[in-house]
Amino acid sequence: MRIGAVIAAIIAVIAIGFGIYMIDIDQTEEAALPEVSVEGGQMPEFDADVGEIEVDEEEVTVTVPEINVTPPEEDTAENQN
């Protein structure tokens, strides 16, 4: 396993070396941004008919069921073991 990792690292180093030295890119002209002028213009205008929503508050009494939980009685003979 260790030999395989060493070989893979050597191959990676060789590939990176070829990539660096086999490609030669030279910039032949400087870049320049275009000149832009903005004049006038108009924002769009919209008419929208929307529905109405009415929200009312109302106090309501809700009956909640009552739950009674009675645990089973423990047998005193089982507790003495």
PDB file of N, CA and C in Angstrom:
ATOM      1  N   MET A   1       0.835  -1.195   0.000  1.00  0.00           N
ATOM      2  CA  MET A   1       0.000   0.000   0.000  1.00  0.00           C
ATOM      3  C   MET A   1       0.874   1.251   0.000  1.00  0.00           C
ATOM      4  N   ARG A   2       1.943   1.182   0.758  1.00  0.00           N
ATOM      5  CA  ARG A   2       2.825   2.341   0.886  1.00  0.00           C
ATOM      6  C   ARG A   2       3.584   2.597  -0.409  1.00  0.00           C
ATOM      7  N   ILE A   3       3.979   1.553  -1.102  1.00  0.00           N
ATOM      8  CA  ILE A   3       4.714   1.701  -2.364  1.00  0.00           C
ATOM      9  C   ILE A   3       3.805   2.325  -3.421  1.00  0.00           C
ATOM     10  N   GLY A   4       2.540   1.915  -3.443  1.00  0.00           N
ATOM     11  CA  GLY A   4       1.582   2.478  -4.398  1.00  0.00           C
ATOM     12  C   GLY A   4       1.388   3.974  -4.183  1.00  0.00           C
ATOM     13  N   ALA A   5       1.349   4.412  -2.919  1.00  0.00           N
ATOM     14  CA  ALA A   5       1.186   5.831  -2.621  1.00  0.00           C
ATOM     15  C   ALA A   5       2.411   6.622  -3.059  1.00  0.00           C
ATOM     16  N   VAL A   6       3.589   6.066  -2.883  1.00  0.00           N
ATOM     17  CA  VAL A   6       4.833   6.739  -3.290  1.00  0.00           C
ATOM     18  C   VAL A   6       4.876   6.874  -4.812  1.00  0.00           C
ATOM     19  N   ILE A   7       4.504   5.794  -5.508  1.00  0.00           N
ATOM     20  CA  ILE A   7       4.499   5.845  -6.973  1.00  0.00           C
ATOM     21  C   ILE A   7       3.480   6.861  -7.469  1.00  0.00           C
ATOM     22  N   ALA A   8       2.309   6.912  -6.850  1.00  0.00           N
ATOM     23  CA  ALA A   8       1.283   7.882  -7.245  1.00  0.00           C
ATOM     24  C   ALA A   8       1.768   9.314  -7.015  1.00  0.00           C
ATOM     25  N   ALA A   9       2.479   9.561  -5.919  1.00  0.00           N
ATOM     26  CA  ALA A   9       3.015  10.895  -5.638  1.00  0.00           C
ATOM     27  C   ALA A   9       4.070  11.285  -6.674  1.00  0.00           C
ATOM     28  N   ILE A  10       4.925  10.353  -7.051  1.00  0.00           N
ATOM     29  CA  ILE A  10       5.956  10.633  -8.058  1.00  0.00           C
ATOM     30  C   ILE A  10       5.316  10.956  -9.398  1.00  0.00           C
ATOM     31  N   ILE A  11       4.304  10.188  -9.788  1.00  0.00           N
ATOM     32  CA  ILE A  11       3.610  10.437 -11.049  1.00  0.00           C
ATOM     33  C   ILE A  11       2.919  11.812 -11.014  1.00  0.00           C
ATOM     34  N   ALA A  12       2.329  12.167  -9.878  1.00  0.00           N
ATOM     35  CA  ALA A  12       1.675  13.471  -9.758  1.00  0.00           C
ATOM     36  C   ALA A  12       2.685  14.605  -9.895  1.00  0.00           C
ATOM     37  N   VAL A  13       3.843  14.469  -9.281  1.00  0.00           N
ATOM     38  CA  VAL A  13       4.888  15.503  -9.372  1.00  0.00           C
ATOM     39  C   VAL A  13       5.371  15.635 -10.814  1.00  0.00           C
ATOM     40  N   ILE A  14       5.560  14.507 -11.502  1.00  0.00           N
ATOM     41  CA  ILE A  14       6.007  14.547 -12.901  1.00  0.00           C
ATOM     42  C   ILE A  14       4.948  15.208 -13.778  1.00  0.00           C
ATOM     43  N   ALA A  15       3.665  14.890 -13.572  1.00  0.00           N
ATOM     44  CA  ALA A  15       2.589  15.484 -14.369  1.00  0.00           C
ATOM     45  C   ALA A  15       2.502  16.987 -14.136  1.00  0.00           C
ATOM     46  N   ILE A  16       2.651  17.419 -12.896  1.00  0.00           N
ATOM     47  CA  ILE A  16       2.622  18.861 -12.596  1.00  0.00           C
ATOM     48  C   ILE A  16       3.827  19.550 -13.237  1.00  0.00           C
ATOM     49  N   GLY A  17       4.990  18.915 -13.189  1.00  0.00           N
ATOM     50  CA  GLY A  17       6.189  19.487 -13.817  1.00  0.00           C
ATOM     51  C   GLY A  17       6.005  19.657 -15.311  1.00  0.00           C
ATOM     52  N   PHE A  18       5.472  18.641 -15.994  1.00  0.00           N
ATOM     53  CA  PHE A  18       5.209  18.764 -17.427  1.00  0.00           C
ATOM     54  C   PHE A  18       4.194  19.872 -17.701  1.00  0.00           C
ATOM     55  N   GLY A  19       3.175  19.969 -16.853  1.00  0.00           N
ATOM     56  CA  GLY A  19       2.154  20.998 -17.052  1.00  0.00           C
ATOM     57  C   GLY A  19       2.711  22.404 -16.920  1.00  0.00           C
ATOM     58  N   ILE A  20       3.665  22.587 -16.033  1.00  0.00           N
ATOM     59  CA  ILE A  20       4.236  23.921 -15.819  1.00  0.00           C
ATOM     60  C   ILE A  20       5.205  24.292 -16.942  1.00  0.00           C
ATOM     61  N   TYR A  21       6.039  23.379 -17.370  1.00  0.00           N
ATOM     62  CA  TYR A  21       7.101  23.711 -18.318  1.00  0.00           C
ATOM     63  C   TYR A  21       6.729  23.496 -19.779  1.00  0.00           C
ATOM     64  N   MET A  22       5.675  22.785 -20.071  1.00  0.00           N
ATOM     65  CA  MET A  22       5.309  22.542 -21.463  1.00  0.00           C
ATOM     66  C   MET A  22       4.375  23.605 -22.010  1.00  0.00           C
ATOM     67  N   ILE A  23       3.770  24.409 -21.154  1.00  0.00           N
ATOM     68  CA  ILE A  23       2.848  25.454 -21.607  1.00  0.00           C
ATOM     69  C   ILE A  23       3.487  26.805 -21.335  1.00  0.00           C
ATOM     70  N   ASP A  24       3.553  27.638 -22.384  1.00  0.00           N
ATOM     71  CA  ASP A  24       4.128  28.981 -22.243  1.00  0.00           C
ATOM     72  C   ASP A  24       3.119  29.983 -22.773  1.00  0.00           C
ATOM     73  N   ILE A  25       2.551  30.762 -21.880  1.00  0.00           N
ATOM     74  CA  ILE A  25       1.538  31.755 -22.267  1.00  0.00           C
ATOM     75  C   ILE A  25       2.108  33.138 -21.997  1.00  0.00           C
ATOM     76  N   ASP A  26       2.115  33.970 -23.036  1.00  0.00           N
ATOM     77  CA  ASP A  26       2.590  35.339 -22.911  1.00  0.00           C
ATOM     78  C   ASP A  26       1.450  36.294 -23.255  1.00  0.00           C
ATOM     79  N   GLN A  27       1.287  37.322 -22.441  1.00  0.00           N
ATOM     80  CA  GLN A  27       0.264  38.330 -22.724  1.00  0.00           C
ATOM     81  C   GLN A  27       0.813  39.290 -23.770  1.00  0.00           C
ATOM     82  N   THR A  28       0.068  39.465 -24.880  1.00  0.00           N
ATOM     83  CA  THR A  28       0.556  40.299 -25.975  1.00  0.00           C
ATOM     84  C   THR A  28      -0.113  41.664 -26.007  1.00  0.00           C
ATOM     85  N   GLU A  29      -1.221  41.840 -25.292  1.00  0.00           N
ATOM     86  CA  GLU A  29      -1.898  43.132 -25.295  1.00  0.00           C
ATOM     87  C   GLU A  29      -2.629  43.303 -23.963  1.00  0.00           C
ATOM     88  N   GLU A  30      -2.617  44.532 -23.440  1.00  0.00           N
ATOM     89  CA  GLU A  30      -3.309  44.834 -22.187  1.00  0.00           C
ATOM     90  C   GLU A  30      -4.815  44.853 -22.418  1.00  0.00           C
ATOM     91  N   ALA A  31      -5.556  44.489 -21.418  1.00  0.00           N
ATOM     92  CA  ALA A  31      -7.021  44.524 -21.507  1.00  0.00           C
ATOM     93  C   ALA A  31      -7.522  45.915 -21.151  1.00  0.00           C
ATOM     94  N   ALA A  32      -8.680  46.294 -21.685  1.00  0.00           N
ATOM     95  CA  ALA A  32      -9.281  47.591 -21.383  1.00  0.00           C
ATOM     96  C   ALA A  32     -10.792  47.412 -21.317  1.00  0.00           C
ATOM     97  N   LEU A  33     -11.403  48.067 -20.355  1.00  0.00           N
ATOM     98  CA  LEU A  33     -12.860  48.021 -20.235  1.00  0.00           C
ATOM     99  C   LEU A  33     -13.484  48.992 -21.223  1.00  0.00           C
ATOM    100  N   PRO A  34     -14.662  48.670 -21.744  1.00  0.00           N
ATOM    101  CA  PRO A  34     -15.308  49.584 -22.689  1.00  0.00           C
ATOM    102  C   PRO A  34     -15.852  50.812 -21.963  1.00  0.00           C
ATOM    103  N   GLU A  35     -15.966  51.910 -22.700  1.00  0.00           N
ATOM    104  CA  GLU A  35     -16.559  53.119 -22.136  1.00  0.00           C
ATOM    105  C   GLU A  35     -18.072  53.039 -22.319  1.00  0.00           C
ATOM    106  N   VAL A  36     -18.794  53.302 -21.251  1.00  0.00           N
ATOM    107  CA  VAL A  36     -20.250  53.181 -21.269  1.00  0.00           C
ATOM    108  C   VAL A  36     -20.844  54.466 -20.733  1.00  0.00           C
ATOM    109  N   SER A  37     -21.854  54.983 -21.434  1.00  0.00           N
ATOM    110  CA  SER A  37     -22.564  56.148 -20.906  1.00  0.00           C
ATOM    111  C   SER A  37     -24.051  55.810 -20.879  1.00  0.00           C
ATOM    112  N   VAL A  38     -24.691  56.233 -19.811  1.00  0.00           N
ATOM    113  CA  VAL A  38     -26.116  55.944 -19.634  1.00  0.00           C
ATOM    114  C   VAL A  38     -26.845  57.272 -19.503  1.00  0.00           C
ATOM    115  N   GLU A  39     -27.859  57.452 -20.333  1.00  0.00           N
ATOM    116  CA  GLU A  39     -28.643  58.688 -20.277  1.00  0.00           C
ATOM    117  C   GLU A  39     -30.119  58.337 -20.315  1.00  0.00           C
ATOM    118  N   GLY A  40     -30.919  59.104 -19.595  1.00  0.00           N
ATOM    119  CA  GLY A  40     -32.367  58.941 -19.631  1.00  0.00           C
ATOM    120  C   GLY A  40     -32.804  57.592 -19.102  1.00  0.00           C
ATOM    121  N   GLY A  41     -33.880  57.109 -19.667  1.00  0.00           N
ATOM    122  CA  GLY A  41     -34.429  55.837 -19.245  1.00  0.00           C
ATOM    123  C   GLY A  41     -35.710  56.049 -18.453  1.00  0.00           C
ATOM    124  N   GLN A  42     -36.396  55.002 -18.184  1.00  0.00           N
ATOM    125  CA  GLN A  42     -37.657  55.103 -17.446  1.00  0.00           C
ATOM    126  C   GLN A  42     -37.903  53.771 -16.744  1.00  0.00           C
ATOM    127  N   MET A  43     -38.342  53.863 -15.509  1.00  0.00           N
ATOM    128  CA  MET A  43     -38.711  52.666 -14.768  1.00  0.00           C
ATOM    129  C   MET A  43     -40.091  52.207 -15.231  1.00  0.00           C
ATOM    130  N   PRO A  44     -40.367  50.930 -15.234  1.00  0.00           N
ATOM    131  CA  PRO A  44     -41.685  50.445 -15.644  1.00  0.00           C
ATOM    132  C   PRO A  44     -42.742  50.831 -14.608  1.00  0.00           C
ATOM    133  N   GLU A  45     -43.974  50.940 -15.063  1.00  0.00           N
ATOM    134  CA  GLU A  45     -45.085  51.294 -14.188  1.00  0.00           C
ATOM    135  C   GLU A  45     -46.132  50.197 -14.290  1.00  0.00           C
ATOM    136  N   PHE A  46     -46.736  49.825 -13.143  1.00  0.00           N
ATOM    137  CA  PHE A  46     -47.698  48.731 -13.112  1.00  0.00           C
ATOM    138  C   PHE A  46     -48.971  49.163 -12.403  1.00  0.00           C
ATOM    139  N   ASP A  47     -50.096  48.654 -12.855  1.00  0.00           N
ATOM    140  CA  ASP A  47     -51.364  48.750 -12.144  1.00  0.00           C
ATOM    141  C   ASP A  47     -51.723  47.336 -11.729  1.00  0.00           C
ATOM    142  N   ALA A  48     -52.055  47.167 -10.455  1.00  0.00           N
ATOM    143  CA  ALA A  48     -52.387  45.825  -9.970  1.00  0.00           C
ATOM    144  C   ALA A  48     -53.661  45.897  -9.148  1.00  0.00           C
ATOM    145  N   ASP A  49     -54.621  45.044  -9.477  1.00  0.00           N
ATOM    146  CA  ASP A  49     -55.838  44.911  -8.690  1.00  0.00           C
ATOM    147  C   ASP A  49     -55.697  43.641  -7.861  1.00  0.00           C
ATOM    148  N   VAL A  50     -55.716  43.805  -6.558  1.00  0.00           N
ATOM    149  CA  VAL A  50     -55.552  42.651  -5.682  1.00  0.00           C
ATOM    150  C   VAL A  50     -56.783  42.502  -4.797  1.00  0.00           C
ATOM    151  N   GLY A  51     -57.034  41.304  -4.350  1.00  0.00           N
ATOM    152  CA  GLY A  51     -58.171  41.047  -3.474  1.00  0.00           C
ATOM    153  C   GLY A  51     -57.915  41.567  -2.067  1.00  0.00           C
ATOM    154  N   GLU A  52     -59.014  41.602  -1.286  1.00  0.00           N
ATOM    155  CA  GLU A  52     -58.902  42.061   0.098  1.00  0.00           C
ATOM    156  C   GLU A  52     -58.930  40.868   1.034  1.00  0.00           C
ATOM    157  N   ILE A  53     -58.204  40.975   2.099  1.00  0.00           N
ATOM    158  CA  ILE A  53     -58.204  39.938   3.129  1.00  0.00           C
ATOM    159  C   ILE A  53     -58.556  40.602   4.434  1.00  0.00           C
ATOM    160  N   GLU A  54     -59.588  40.073   5.099  1.00  0.00           N
ATOM    161  CA  GLU A  54     -59.979  40.592   6.409  1.00  0.00           C
ATOM    162  C   GLU A  54     -59.610  39.570   7.464  1.00  0.00           C
ATOM    163  N   VAL A  55     -59.001  40.029   8.525  1.00  0.00           N
ATOM    164  CA  VAL A  55     -58.607  39.159   9.618  1.00  0.00           C
ATOM    165  C   VAL A  55     -59.304  39.637  10.873  1.00  0.00           C
ATOM    166  N   ASP A  56     -60.069  38.737  11.496  1.00  0.00           N
ATOM    167  CA  ASP A  56     -60.779  39.068  12.737  1.00  0.00           C
ATOM    168  C   ASP A  56     -60.278  38.165  13.848  1.00  0.00           C
ATOM    169  N   GLU A  57     -60.386  38.678  15.069  1.00  0.00           N
ATOM    170  CA  GLU A  57     -60.070  37.874  16.239  1.00  0.00           C
ATOM    171  C   GLU A  57     -61.369  37.515  16.922  1.00  0.00           C
ATOM    172  N   GLU A  58     -61.414  36.300  17.426  1.00  0.00           N
ATOM    173  CA  GLU A  58     -62.614  35.832  18.103  1.00  0.00           C
ATOM    174  C   GLU A  58     -62.167  34.939  19.248  1.00  0.00           C
ATOM    175  N   GLU A  59     -62.715  35.161  20.442  1.00  0.00           N
ATOM    176  CA  GLU A  59     -62.355  34.342  21.583  1.00  0.00           C
ATOM    177  C   GLU A  59     -63.290  33.147  21.637  1.00  0.00           C
ATOM    178  N   VAL A  60     -62.691  31.939  21.692  1.00  0.00           N
ATOM    179  CA  VAL A  60     -63.469  30.708  21.672  1.00  0.00           C
ATOM    180  C   VAL A  60     -63.025  29.849  22.849  1.00  0.00           C
ATOM    181  N   THR A  61     -63.972  29.184  23.489  1.00  0.00           N
ATOM    182  CA  THR A  61     -63.656  28.250  24.567  1.00  0.00           C
ATOM    183  C   THR A  61     -63.648  26.843  23.982  1.00  0.00           C
ATOM    184  N   VAL A  62     -62.555  26.144  24.185  1.00  0.00           N
ATOM    185  CA  VAL A  62     -62.398  24.798  23.649  1.00  0.00           C
ATOM    186  C   VAL A  62     -62.362  23.820  24.817  1.00  0.00           C
ATOM    187  N   THR A  63     -63.155  22.763  24.724  1.00  0.00           N
ATOM    188  CA  THR A  63     -63.164  21.741  25.761  1.00  0.00           C
ATOM    189  C   THR A  63     -62.043  20.752  25.462  1.00  0.00           C
ATOM    190  N   VAL A  64     -61.174  20.585  26.433  1.00  0.00           N
ATOM    191  CA  VAL A  64     -60.038  19.686  26.281  1.00  0.00           C
ATOM    192  C   VAL A  64     -60.324  18.445  27.115  1.00  0.00           C
ATOM    193  N   PRO A  65     -60.133  17.264  26.532  1.00  0.00           N
ATOM    194  CA  PRO A  65     -60.420  16.057  27.318  1.00  0.00           C
ATOM    195  C   PRO A  65     -59.450  15.921  28.481  1.00  0.00           C
ATOM    196  N   GLU A  66     -59.957  15.358  29.565  1.00  0.00           N
ATOM    197  CA  GLU A  66     -59.136  15.157  30.754  1.00  0.00           C
ATOM    198  C   GLU A  66     -58.592  13.747  30.725  1.00  0.00           C
ATOM    199  N   ILE A  67     -57.313  13.598  30.986  1.00  0.00           N
ATOM    200  CA  ILE A  67     -56.678  12.286  30.968  1.00  0.00           C
ATOM    201  C   ILE A  67     -56.170  11.985  32.367  1.00  0.00           C
ATOM    202  N   ASN A  68     -56.581  10.852  32.890  1.00  0.00           N
ATOM    203  CA  ASN A  68     -56.113  10.399  34.204  1.00  0.00           C
ATOM    204  C   ASN A  68     -55.261   9.159  34.008  1.00  0.00           C
ATOM    205  N   VAL A  69     -54.054   9.195  34.519  1.00  0.00           N
ATOM    206  CA  VAL A  69     -53.149   8.057  34.414  1.00  0.00           C
ATOM    207  C   VAL A  69     -52.941   7.495  35.810  1.00  0.00           C
ATOM    208  N   THR A  70     -53.264   6.220  35.953  1.00  0.00           N
ATOM    209  CA  THR A  70     -53.069   5.556  37.234  1.00  0.00           C
ATOM    210  C   THR A  70     -52.005   4.489  37.035  1.00  0.00           C
ATOM    211  N   PRO A  71     -50.852   4.643  37.674  1.00  0.00           N
ATOM    212  CA  PRO A  71     -49.812   3.624  37.515  1.00  0.00           C
ATOM    213  C   PRO A  71     -50.235   2.332  38.206  1.00  0.00           C
ATOM    214  N   PRO A  72     -49.767   1.208  37.699  1.00  0.00           N
ATOM    215  CA  PRO A  72     -50.134  -0.061  38.336  1.00  0.00           C
ATOM    216  C   PRO A  72     -49.545  -0.150  39.738  1.00  0.00           C
ATOM    217  N   GLU A  73     -50.298  -0.797  40.602  1.00  0.00           N
ATOM    218  CA  GLU A  73     -49.807  -0.955  41.973  1.00  0.00           C
ATOM    219  C   GLU A  73     -48.686  -1.987  41.972  1.00  0.00           C
ATOM    220  N   GLU A  74     -47.635  -1.661  42.668  1.00  0.00           N
ATOM    221  CA  GLU A  74     -46.492  -2.558  42.719  1.00  0.00           C
ATOM    222  C   GLU A  74     -46.720  -3.614  43.787  1.00  0.00           C
ATOM    223  N   ASP A  75     -46.361  -4.829  43.454  1.00  0.00           N
ATOM    224  CA  ASP A  75     -46.483  -5.931  44.404  1.00  0.00           C
ATOM    225  C   ASP A  75     -45.317  -5.844  45.379  1.00  0.00           C
ATOM    226  N   THR A  76     -45.600  -5.819  46.652  1.00  0.00           N
ATOM    227  CA  THR A  76     -44.530  -5.675  47.648  1.00  0.00           C
ATOM    228  C   THR A  76     -43.626  -6.896  47.680  1.00  0.00           C
ATOM    229  N   ALA A  77     -44.107  -8.075  47.285  1.00  0.00           N
ATOM    230  CA  ALA A  77     -43.269  -9.274  47.282  1.00  0.00           C
ATOM    231  C   ALA A  77     -42.201  -9.177  46.197  1.00  0.00           C
ATOM    232  N   GLU A  78     -42.528  -8.571  45.037  1.00  0.00           N
ATOM    233  CA  GLU A  78     -41.546  -8.441  43.971  1.00  0.00           C
ATOM    234  C   GLU A  78     -40.476  -7.431  44.327  1.00  0.00           C
ATOM    235  N   ASN A  79     -40.804  -6.419  45.088  1.00  0.00           N
ATOM    236  CA  ASN A  79     -39.833  -5.403  45.475  1.00  0.00           C
ATOM    237  C   ASN A  79     -38.831  -5.911  46.484  1.00  0.00           C
ATOM    238  N   GLN A  80     -39.156  -6.965  47.204  1.00  0.00           N
ATOM    239  CA  GLN A  80     -38.243  -7.475  48.231  1.00  0.00           C
ATOM    240  C   GLN A  80     -37.150  -8.356  47.658  1.00  0.00           C
ATOM    241  N   ASN A  81     -37.259  -8.780  46.415  1.00  0.00           N
ATOM    242  CA  ASN A  81     -36.233  -9.650  45.800  1.00  0.00           C
ATOM    243  C   ASN A  81     -34.996  -8.902  45.492  1.00  0.00           C
TER     244      ASN A  81
END
